[in-house]
PDB file of N, CA and C in Angstrom:
ATOM      1  N   MET A   1     198.618  67.751   8.669  1.00  0.00           N
ATOM      2  CA  MET A   1     198.106  68.216   9.939  1.00  0.00           C
ATOM      3  C   MET A   1     198.631  69.610  10.260  1.00  0.00           C
ATOM      4  N   ASP A   2     199.850  69.908   9.887  1.00  0.00           N
ATOM      5  CA  ASP A   2     200.425  71.217  10.171  1.00  0.00           C
ATOM      6  C   ASP A   2     199.692  72.336   9.441  1.00  0.00           C
ATOM      7  N   ILE A   3     199.245  72.064   8.232  1.00  0.00           N
ATOM      8  CA  ILE A   3     198.560  73.097   7.466  1.00  0.00           C
ATOM      9  C   ILE A   3     197.232  73.463   8.121  1.00  0.00           C
ATOM     10  N   LYS A   4     196.573  72.489   8.758  1.00  0.00           N
ATOM     11  CA  LYS A   4     195.318  72.781   9.458  1.00  0.00           C
ATOM     12  C   LYS A   4     195.563  73.740  10.622  1.00  0.00           C
ATOM     13  N   PHE A   5     196.630  73.486  11.379  1.00  0.00           N
ATOM     14  CA  PHE A   5     196.953  74.367  12.498  1.00  0.00           C
ATOM     15  C   PHE A   5     197.321  75.765  12.030  1.00  0.00           C
ATOM     16  N   GLU A   6     198.048  75.837  10.925  1.00  0.00           N
ATOM     17  CA  GLU A   6     198.423  77.154  10.391  1.00  0.00           C
ATOM     18  C   GLU A   6     197.191  77.919   9.940  1.00  0.00           C
ATOM     19  N   MET A   7     196.237  77.244   9.334  1.00  0.00           N
ATOM     20  CA  MET A   7     195.018  77.910   8.883  1.00  0.00           C
ATOM     21  C   MET A   7     194.174  78.355  10.084  1.00  0.00           C
ATOM     22  N   LEU A   8     194.092  77.487  11.103  1.00  0.00           N
ATOM     23  CA  LEU A   8     193.363  77.876  12.313  1.00  0.00           C
ATOM     24  C   LEU A   8     194.039  79.055  13.001  1.00  0.00           C
ATOM     25  N   ASN A   9     195.366  79.023  13.035  1.00  0.00           N
ATOM     26  CA  ASN A   9     196.116  80.115  13.652  1.00  0.00           C
ATOM     27  C   ASN A   9     195.879  81.422  12.902  1.00  0.00           C
ATOM     28  N   LEU A  10     195.885  81.365  11.587  1.00  0.00           N
ATOM     29  CA  LEU A  10     195.647  82.549  10.768  1.00  0.00           C
ATOM     30  C   LEU A  10     194.237  83.097  11.012  1.00  0.00           C
ATOM     31  N   ALA A  11     193.254  82.200  11.063  1.00  0.00           N
ATOM     32  CA  ALA A  11     191.876  82.633  11.312  1.00  0.00           C
ATOM     33  C   ALA A  11     191.758  83.253  12.707  1.00  0.00           C
ATOM     34  N   PHE A  12     192.417  82.653  13.692  1.00  0.00           N
ATOM     35  CA  PHE A  12     192.381  83.169  15.051  1.00  0.00           C
ATOM     36  C   PHE A  12     193.015  84.555  15.131  1.00  0.00           C
ATOM     37  N   GLN A  13     194.175  84.719  14.500  1.00  0.00           N
ATOM     38  CA  GLN A  13     194.841  86.027  14.509  1.00  0.00           C
ATOM     39  C   GLN A  13     193.979  87.082  13.834  1.00  0.00           C
ATOM     40  N   ASN A  14     193.343  86.699  12.735  1.00  0.00           N
ATOM     41  CA  ASN A  14     192.474  87.632  12.017  1.00  0.00           C
ATOM     42  C   ASN A  14     191.307  88.061  12.906  1.00  0.00           C
ATOM     43  N   GLU A  15     190.701  87.099  13.593  1.00  0.00           N
ATOM     44  CA  GLU A  15     189.574  87.424  14.467  1.00  0.00           C
ATOM     45  C   GLU A  15     190.013  88.306  15.631  1.00  0.00           C
ATOM     46  N   CYS A  16     191.205  88.045  16.191  1.00  0.00           N
ATOM     47  CA  CYS A  16     191.720  88.886  17.286  1.00  0.00           C
ATOM     48  C   CYS A  16     191.915  90.331  16.824  1.00  0.00           C
ATOM     49  N   GLU A  17     192.457  90.499  15.621  1.00  0.00           N
ATOM     50  CA  GLU A  17     192.643  91.852  15.079  1.00  0.00           C
ATOM     51  C   GLU A  17     191.296  92.543  14.877  1.00  0.00           C
ATOM     52  N   ASN A  18     190.315  91.789  14.382  1.00  0.00           N
ATOM     53  CA  ASN A  18     188.974  92.356  14.186  1.00  0.00           C
ATOM     54  C   ASN A  18     188.346  92.753  15.519  1.00  0.00           C
ATOM     55  N   MET A  19     188.520  91.920  16.550  1.00  0.00           N
ATOM     56  CA  MET A  19     187.963  92.247  17.871  1.00  0.00           C
ATOM     57  C   MET A  19     188.603  93.515  18.421  1.00  0.00           C
ATOM     58  N   ARG A  20     189.929  93.634  18.310  1.00  0.00           N
ATOM     59  CA  ARG A  20     190.610  94.848  18.798  1.00  0.00           C
ATOM     60  C   ARG A  20     190.117  96.089  18.061  1.00  0.00           C
ATOM     61  N   LYS A  21     189.928  95.944  16.744  1.00  0.00           N
ATOM     62  CA  LYS A  21     189.448  97.065  15.935  1.00  0.00           C
ATOM     63  C   LYS A  21     188.034  97.465  16.364  1.00  0.00           C
ATOM     64  N   ARG A  22     187.142  96.473  16.537  1.00  0.00           N
ATOM     65  CA  ARG A  22     185.769  96.774  16.971  1.00  0.00           C
ATOM     66  C   ARG A  22     185.761  97.391  18.368  1.00  0.00           C
ATOM     67  N   GLN A  23     186.639  96.882  19.232  1.00  0.00           N
ATOM     68  CA  GLN A  23     186.695  97.420  20.584  1.00  0.00           C
ATOM     69  C   GLN A  23     187.143  98.879  20.566  1.00  0.00           C
ATOM     70  N   SER A  24     188.192  99.193  19.816  1.00  0.00           N
ATOM     71  CA  SER A  24     188.671 100.580  19.772  1.00  0.00           C
ATOM     72  C   SER A  24     187.632 101.498  19.133  1.00  0.00           C
ATOM     73  N   GLU A  25     186.909 100.994  18.134  1.00  0.00           N
ATOM     74  CA  GLU A  25     185.838 101.800  17.533  1.00  0.00           C
ATOM     75  C   GLU A  25     184.720 102.050  18.545  1.00  0.00           C
ATOM     76  N   GLY A  26     184.387 101.040  19.331  1.00  0.00           N
ATOM     77  CA  GLY A  26     183.352 101.192  20.344  1.00  0.00           C
ATOM     78  C   GLY A  26     183.756 102.184  21.420  1.00  0.00           C
ATOM     79  N   ILE A  27     185.008 102.127  21.841  1.00  0.00           N
ATOM     80  CA  ILE A  27     185.504 103.066  22.851  1.00  0.00           C
ATOM     81  C   ILE A  27     185.481 104.491  22.309  1.00  0.00           C
ATOM     82  N   ALA A  28     185.934 104.661  21.057  1.00  0.00           N
ATOM     83  CA  ALA A  28     185.926 105.992  20.442  1.00  0.00           C
ATOM     84  C   ALA A  28     184.493 106.526  20.327  1.00  0.00           C
ATOM     85  N   SER A  29     183.567 105.652  19.953  1.00  0.00           N
ATOM     86  CA  SER A  29     182.169 106.059  19.827  1.00  0.00           C
ATOM     87  C   SER A  29     181.596 106.472  21.190  1.00  0.00           C
ATOM     88  N   ALA A  30     181.912 105.699  22.215  1.00  0.00           N
ATOM     89  CA  ALA A  30     181.421 106.021  23.555  1.00  0.00           C
ATOM     90  C   ALA A  30     181.995 107.344  24.041  1.00  0.00           C
ATOM     91  N   LYS A  31     183.278 107.567  23.812  1.00  0.00           N
ATOM     92  CA  LYS A  31     183.896 108.836  24.223  1.00  0.00           C
ATOM     93  C   LYS A  31     183.269 110.014  23.476  1.00  0.00           C
ATOM     94  N   ALA A  32     182.945 109.815  22.204  1.00  0.00           N
ATOM     95  CA  ALA A  32     182.302 110.876  21.418  1.00  0.00           C
ATOM     96  C   ALA A  32     180.927 111.211  21.979  1.00  0.00           C
ATOM     97  N   ARG A  33     180.241 110.208  22.549  1.00  0.00           N
ATOM     98  CA  ARG A  33     178.927 110.438  23.159  1.00  0.00           C
ATOM     99  C   ARG A  33     179.043 111.025  24.554  1.00  0.00           C
ATOM    100  N   GLY A  34     180.261 111.101  25.086  1.00  0.00           N
ATOM    101  CA  GLY A  34     180.457 111.694  26.410  1.00  0.00           C
ATOM    102  C   GLY A  34     180.454 110.692  27.552  1.00  0.00           C
ATOM    103  N   VAL A  35     180.568 109.413  27.238  1.00  0.00           N
ATOM    104  CA  VAL A  35     180.598 108.394  28.283  1.00  0.00           C
ATOM    105  C   VAL A  35     181.915 108.503  29.039  1.00  0.00           C
ATOM    106  N   GLN A  36     181.839 108.493  30.365  1.00  0.00           N
ATOM    107  CA  GLN A  36     183.047 108.559  31.181  1.00  0.00           C
ATOM    108  C   GLN A  36     183.414 107.163  31.631  1.00  0.00           C
ATOM    109  N   PHE A  37     184.698 106.841  31.536  1.00  0.00           N
ATOM    110  CA  PHE A  37     185.187 105.540  31.930  1.00  0.00           C
ATOM    111  C   PHE A  37     185.787 105.617  33.326  1.00  0.00           C
ATOM    112  N   GLY A  38     185.812 104.492  34.013  1.00  0.00           N
ATOM    113  CA  GLY A  38     186.425 104.436  35.334  1.00  0.00           C
ATOM    114  C   GLY A  38     185.419 104.678  36.437  1.00  0.00           C
ATOM    115  N   ARG A  39     185.939 104.660  37.648  1.00  0.00           N
ATOM    116  CA  ARG A  39     185.079 104.866  38.812  1.00  0.00           C
ATOM    117  C   ARG A  39     184.652 106.326  38.901  1.00  0.00           C
ATOM    118  N   PRO A  40     183.444 106.581  39.356  1.00  0.00           N
ATOM    119  CA  PRO A  40     183.018 107.971  39.526  1.00  0.00           C
ATOM    120  C   PRO A  40     183.776 108.607  40.690  1.00  0.00           C
ATOM    121  N   THR A  41     184.075 109.890  40.575  1.00  0.00           N
ATOM    122  CA  THR A  41     184.786 110.580  41.642  1.00  0.00           C
ATOM    123  C   THR A  41     183.795 110.986  42.728  1.00  0.00           C
ATOM    124  N   LYS A  42     184.238 110.883  43.951  1.00  0.00           N
ATOM    125  CA  LYS A  42     183.398 111.277  45.074  1.00  0.00           C
ATOM    126  C   LYS A  42     183.971 112.569  45.639  1.00  0.00           C
ATOM    127  N   LYS A  43     183.177 113.602  45.602  1.00  0.00           N
ATOM    128  CA  LYS A  43     183.641 114.901  46.068  1.00  0.00           C
ATOM    129  C   LYS A  43     183.470 115.020  47.576  1.00  0.00           C
ATOM    130  N   PRO A  44     184.391 115.749  48.220  1.00  0.00           N
ATOM    131  CA  PRO A  44     184.253 115.946  49.663  1.00  0.00           C
ATOM    132  C   PRO A  44     183.106 116.912  49.962  1.00  0.00           C
ATOM    133  N   PRO A  45     182.568 116.875  51.179  1.00  0.00           N
ATOM    134  CA  PRO A  45     181.472 117.782  51.529  1.00  0.00           C
ATOM    135  C   PRO A  45     181.948 119.231  51.606  1.00  0.00           C
ATOM    136  N   GLU A  46     181.006 120.133  51.713  1.00  0.00           N
ATOM    137  CA  GLU A  46     181.307 121.569  51.749  1.00  0.00           C
ATOM    138  C   GLU A  46     182.182 121.948  52.946  1.00  0.00           C
ATOM    139  N   ASN A  47     182.002 121.277  54.080  1.00  0.00           N
ATOM    140  CA  ASN A  47     182.746 121.635  55.287  1.00  0.00           C
ATOM    141  C   ASN A  47     184.060 120.839  55.405  1.00  0.00           C
ATOM    142  N   PHE A  48     184.579 120.349  54.300  1.00  0.00           N
ATOM    143  CA  PHE A  48     185.784 119.526  54.323  1.00  0.00           C
ATOM    144  C   PHE A  48     186.984 120.306  54.879  1.00  0.00           C
ATOM    145  N   ASP A  49     187.145 121.560  54.472  1.00  0.00           N
ATOM    146  CA  ASP A  49     188.289 122.350  54.948  1.00  0.00           C
ATOM    147  C   ASP A  49     188.241 122.545  56.462  1.00  0.00           C
ATOM    148  N   GLN A  50     187.061 122.809  56.988  1.00  0.00           N
ATOM    149  CA  GLN A  50     186.914 122.986  58.439  1.00  0.00           C
ATOM    150  C   GLN A  50     187.242 121.670  59.161  1.00  0.00           C
ATOM    151  N   LEU A  51     186.726 120.565  58.664  1.00  0.00           N
ATOM    152  CA  LEU A  51     187.001 119.269  59.276  1.00  0.00           C
ATOM    153  C   LEU A  51     188.481 118.918  59.169  1.00  0.00           C
ATOM    154  N   ALA A  52     189.096 119.285  58.049  1.00  0.00           N
ATOM    155  CA  ALA A  52     190.522 119.010  57.867  1.00  0.00           C
ATOM    156  C   ALA A  52     191.354 119.799  58.879  1.00  0.00           C
ATOM    157  N   LYS A  53     190.977 121.035  59.133  1.00  0.00           N
ATOM    158  CA  LYS A  53     191.697 121.835  60.133  1.00  0.00           C
ATOM    159  C   LYS A  53     191.571 121.215  61.519  1.00  0.00           C
ATOM    160  N   GLU A  54     190.353 120.764  61.867  1.00  0.00           N
ATOM    161  CA  GLU A  54     190.154 120.115  63.157  1.00  0.00           C
ATOM    162  C   GLU A  54     190.982 118.830  63.249  1.00  0.00           C
ATOM    163  N   TRP A  55     191.046 118.071  62.158  1.00  0.00           N
ATOM    164  CA  TRP A  55     191.817 116.833  62.126  1.00  0.00           C
ATOM    165  C   TRP A  55     193.313 117.118  62.275  1.00  0.00           C
ATOM    166  N   GLU A  56     193.783 118.175  61.597  1.00  0.00           N
ATOM    167  CA  GLU A  56     195.199 118.537  61.680  1.00  0.00           C
ATOM    168  C   GLU A  56     195.579 118.989  63.084  1.00  0.00           C
ATOM    169  N   CYS A  57     194.659 119.622  63.795  1.00  0.00           N
ATOM    170  CA  CYS A  57     194.918 120.081  65.163  1.00  0.00           C
ATOM    171  C   CYS A  57     194.781 118.954  66.183  1.00  0.00           C
ATOM    172  N   GLY A  58     194.287 117.811  65.766  1.00  0.00           N
ATOM    173  CA  GLY A  58     194.119 116.690  66.677  1.00  0.00           C
ATOM    174  C   GLY A  58     192.784 116.680  67.396  1.00  0.00           C
ATOM    175  N   LYS A  59     191.872 117.549  66.996  1.00  0.00           N
ATOM    176  CA  LYS A  59     190.549 117.598  67.630  1.00  0.00           C
ATOM    177  C   LYS A  59     189.608 116.538  67.068  1.00  0.00           C
ATOM    178  N   LEU A  60     189.960 115.964  65.930  1.00  0.00           N
ATOM    179  CA  LEU A  60     189.096 115.011  65.240  1.00  0.00           C
ATOM    180  C   LEU A  60     189.911 113.783  64.870  1.00  0.00           C
ATOM    181  N   ARG A  61     189.405 112.606  65.250  1.00  0.00           N
ATOM    182  CA  ARG A  61     190.087 111.362  64.903  1.00  0.00           C
ATOM    183  C   ARG A  61     189.857 111.045  63.434  1.00  0.00           C
ATOM    184  N   THR A  62     190.780 110.288  62.864  1.00  0.00           N
ATOM    185  CA  THR A  62     190.680 109.938  61.449  1.00  0.00           C
ATOM    186  C   THR A  62     189.390 109.188  61.159  1.00  0.00           C
ATOM    187  N   LYS A  63     189.036 108.255  62.025  1.00  0.00           N
ATOM    188  CA  LYS A  63     187.819 107.466  61.809  1.00  0.00           C
ATOM    189  C   LYS A  63     186.578 108.369  61.814  1.00  0.00           C
ATOM    190  N   ASP A  64     186.534 109.321  62.745  1.00  0.00           N
ATOM    191  CA  ASP A  64     185.408 110.259  62.790  1.00  0.00           C
ATOM    192  C   ASP A  64     185.392 111.161  61.554  1.00  0.00           C
ATOM    193  N   PHE A  65     186.574 111.553  61.119  1.00  0.00           N
ATOM    194  CA  PHE A  65     186.716 112.372  59.912  1.00  0.00           C
ATOM    195  C   PHE A  65     186.141 111.611  58.713  1.00  0.00           C
ATOM    196  N   MET A  66     186.455 110.322  58.626  1.00  0.00           N
ATOM    197  CA  MET A  66     185.956 109.497  57.532  1.00  0.00           C
ATOM    198  C   MET A  66     184.438 109.376  57.582  1.00  0.00           C
ATOM    199  N   VAL A  67     183.890 109.189  58.770  1.00  0.00           N
ATOM    200  CA  VAL A  67     182.440 109.034  58.922  1.00  0.00           C
ATOM    201  C   VAL A  67     181.725 110.333  58.544  1.00  0.00           C
ATOM    202  N   GLN A  68     182.249 111.463  59.003  1.00  0.00           N
ATOM    203  CA  GLN A  68     181.592 112.746  58.738  1.00  0.00           C
ATOM    204  C   GLN A  68     181.650 113.145  57.269  1.00  0.00           C
ATOM    205  N   THR A  69     182.730 112.762  56.585  1.00  0.00           N
ATOM    206  CA  THR A  69     182.851 113.116  55.172  1.00  0.00           C
ATOM    207  C   THR A  69     182.252 112.060  54.259  1.00  0.00           C
ATOM    208  N   GLY A  70     182.125 110.823  54.754  1.00  0.00           N
ATOM    209  CA  GLY A  70     181.601 109.749  53.919  1.00  0.00           C
ATOM    210  C   GLY A  70     182.621 109.225  52.925  1.00  0.00           C
ATOM    211  N   LEU A  71     183.911 109.490  53.186  1.00  0.00           N
ATOM    212  CA  LEU A  71     184.977 109.055  52.295  1.00  0.00           C
ATOM    213  C   LEU A  71     185.717 107.865  52.894  1.00  0.00           C
ATOM    214  N   THR A  72     186.268 107.025  52.035  1.00  0.00           N
ATOM    215  CA  THR A  72     187.113 105.942  52.520  1.00  0.00           C
ATOM    216  C   THR A  72     188.464 106.526  52.916  1.00  0.00           C
ATOM    217  N   GLU A  73     189.271 105.732  53.583  1.00  0.00           N
ATOM    218  CA  GLU A  73     190.563 106.231  54.073  1.00  0.00           C
ATOM    219  C   GLU A  73     191.465 106.692  52.934  1.00  0.00           C
ATOM    220  N   SER A  74     191.560 105.888  51.884  1.00  0.00           N
ATOM    221  CA  SER A  74     192.439 106.270  50.774  1.00  0.00           C
ATOM    222  C   SER A  74     191.937 107.531  50.073  1.00  0.00           C
ATOM    223  N   THR A  75     190.622 107.649  49.897  1.00  0.00           N
ATOM    224  CA  THR A  75     190.064 108.842  49.262  1.00  0.00           C
ATOM    225  C   THR A  75     190.243 110.059  50.156  1.00  0.00           C
ATOM    226  N   LEU A  76     190.098 109.863  51.448  1.00  0.00           N
ATOM    227  CA  LEU A  76     190.275 110.960  52.397  1.00  0.00           C
ATOM    228  C   LEU A  76     191.686 111.526  52.302  1.00  0.00           C
ATOM    229  N   TYR A  77     192.685 110.645  52.333  1.00  0.00           N
ATOM    230  CA  TYR A  77     194.070 111.114  52.252  1.00  0.00           C
ATOM    231  C   TYR A  77     194.380 111.735  50.884  1.00  0.00           C
ATOM    232  N   ARG A  78     193.749 111.227  49.833  1.00  0.00           N
ATOM    233  CA  ARG A  78     193.938 111.818  48.511  1.00  0.00           C
ATOM    234  C   ARG A  78     193.388 113.240  48.486  1.00  0.00           C
ATOM    235  N   ARG A  79     192.198 113.428  49.059  1.00  0.00           N
ATOM    236  CA  ARG A  79     191.601 114.772  49.100  1.00  0.00           C
ATOM    237  C   ARG A  79     192.435 115.713  49.975  1.00  0.00           C
ATOM    238  N   LEU A  80     193.041 115.194  51.044  1.00  0.00           N
ATOM    239  CA  LEU A  80     193.915 116.028  51.883  1.00  0.00           C
ATOM    240  C   LEU A  80     195.161 116.450  51.110  1.00  0.00           C
ATOM    241  N   ARG A  81     195.730 115.526  50.323  1.00  0.00           N
ATOM    242  CA  ARG A  81     196.893 115.892  49.496  1.00  0.00           C
ATOM    243  C   ARG A  81     196.512 116.951  48.470  1.00  0.00           C
ATOM    244  N   GLU A  82     195.352 116.781  47.852  1.00  0.00           N
ATOM    245  CA  GLU A  82     194.891 117.770  46.866  1.00  0.00           C
ATOM    246  C   GLU A  82     194.689 119.129  47.521  1.00  0.00           C
ATOM    247  N   ARG A  83     194.145 119.131  48.729  1.00  0.00           N
ATOM    248  CA  ARG A  83     193.914 120.369  49.472  1.00  0.00           C
ATOM    249  C   ARG A  83     195.247 121.050  49.774  1.00  0.00           C
ATOM    250  N   LYS A  84     196.217 120.262  50.199  1.00  0.00           N
ATOM    251  CA  LYS A  84     197.535 120.794  50.512  1.00  0.00           C
ATOM    252  C   LYS A  84     198.204 121.377  49.264  1.00  0.00           C
ATOM    253  N   PHE A  85     198.024 120.687  48.136  1.00  0.00           N
ATOM    254  CA  PHE A  85     198.584 121.155  46.864  1.00  0.00           C
ATOM    255  C   PHE A  85     197.932 122.462  46.426  1.00  0.00           C
ATOM    256  N   ARG A  86     196.602 122.567  46.605  1.00  0.00           N
ATOM    257  CA  ARG A  86     195.888 123.807  46.239  1.00  0.00           C
ATOM    258  C   ARG A  86     196.363 124.974  47.067  1.00  0.00           C
ATOM    259  N   LYS A  87     196.665 124.724  48.354  1.00  0.00           N
ATOM    260  CA  LYS A  87     197.111 125.803  49.240  1.00  0.00           C
ATOM    261  C   LYS A  87     198.475 126.339  48.822  1.00  0.00           C
ATOM    262  N   LYS A  88     199.338 125.456  48.285  1.00  0.00           N
ATOM    263  CA  LYS A  88     200.680 125.876  47.887  1.00  0.00           C
ATOM    264  C   LYS A  88     200.649 126.792  46.670  1.00  0.00           C
ATOM    265  N   LYS A  89     199.623 126.679  45.857  1.00  0.00           N
ATOM    266  CA  LYS A  89     199.553 127.506  44.648  1.00  0.00           C
ATOM    267  C   LYS A  89     199.298 128.924  44.948  1.00  0.00           C
TER     268      LYS A  89
END
């Protein structure tokens, strides 16, 4: 009975290695074709800097800022950090 389990285990390990190899080949092929992985990035609108200045001065609430830009809260704060980083350069 033990030899059957060892043979099944060997076959399973072999198949797992083959799946990983096929997966990495598929990923490499997709990258070569220019396929982008992950969530698409959402860019802020053209008037983002003006809205950010109004928000920083307290003239614009965060919720209104989110509605006008169409960004979620986490994306909004990420874009504000990026903006702040660009200004420091």
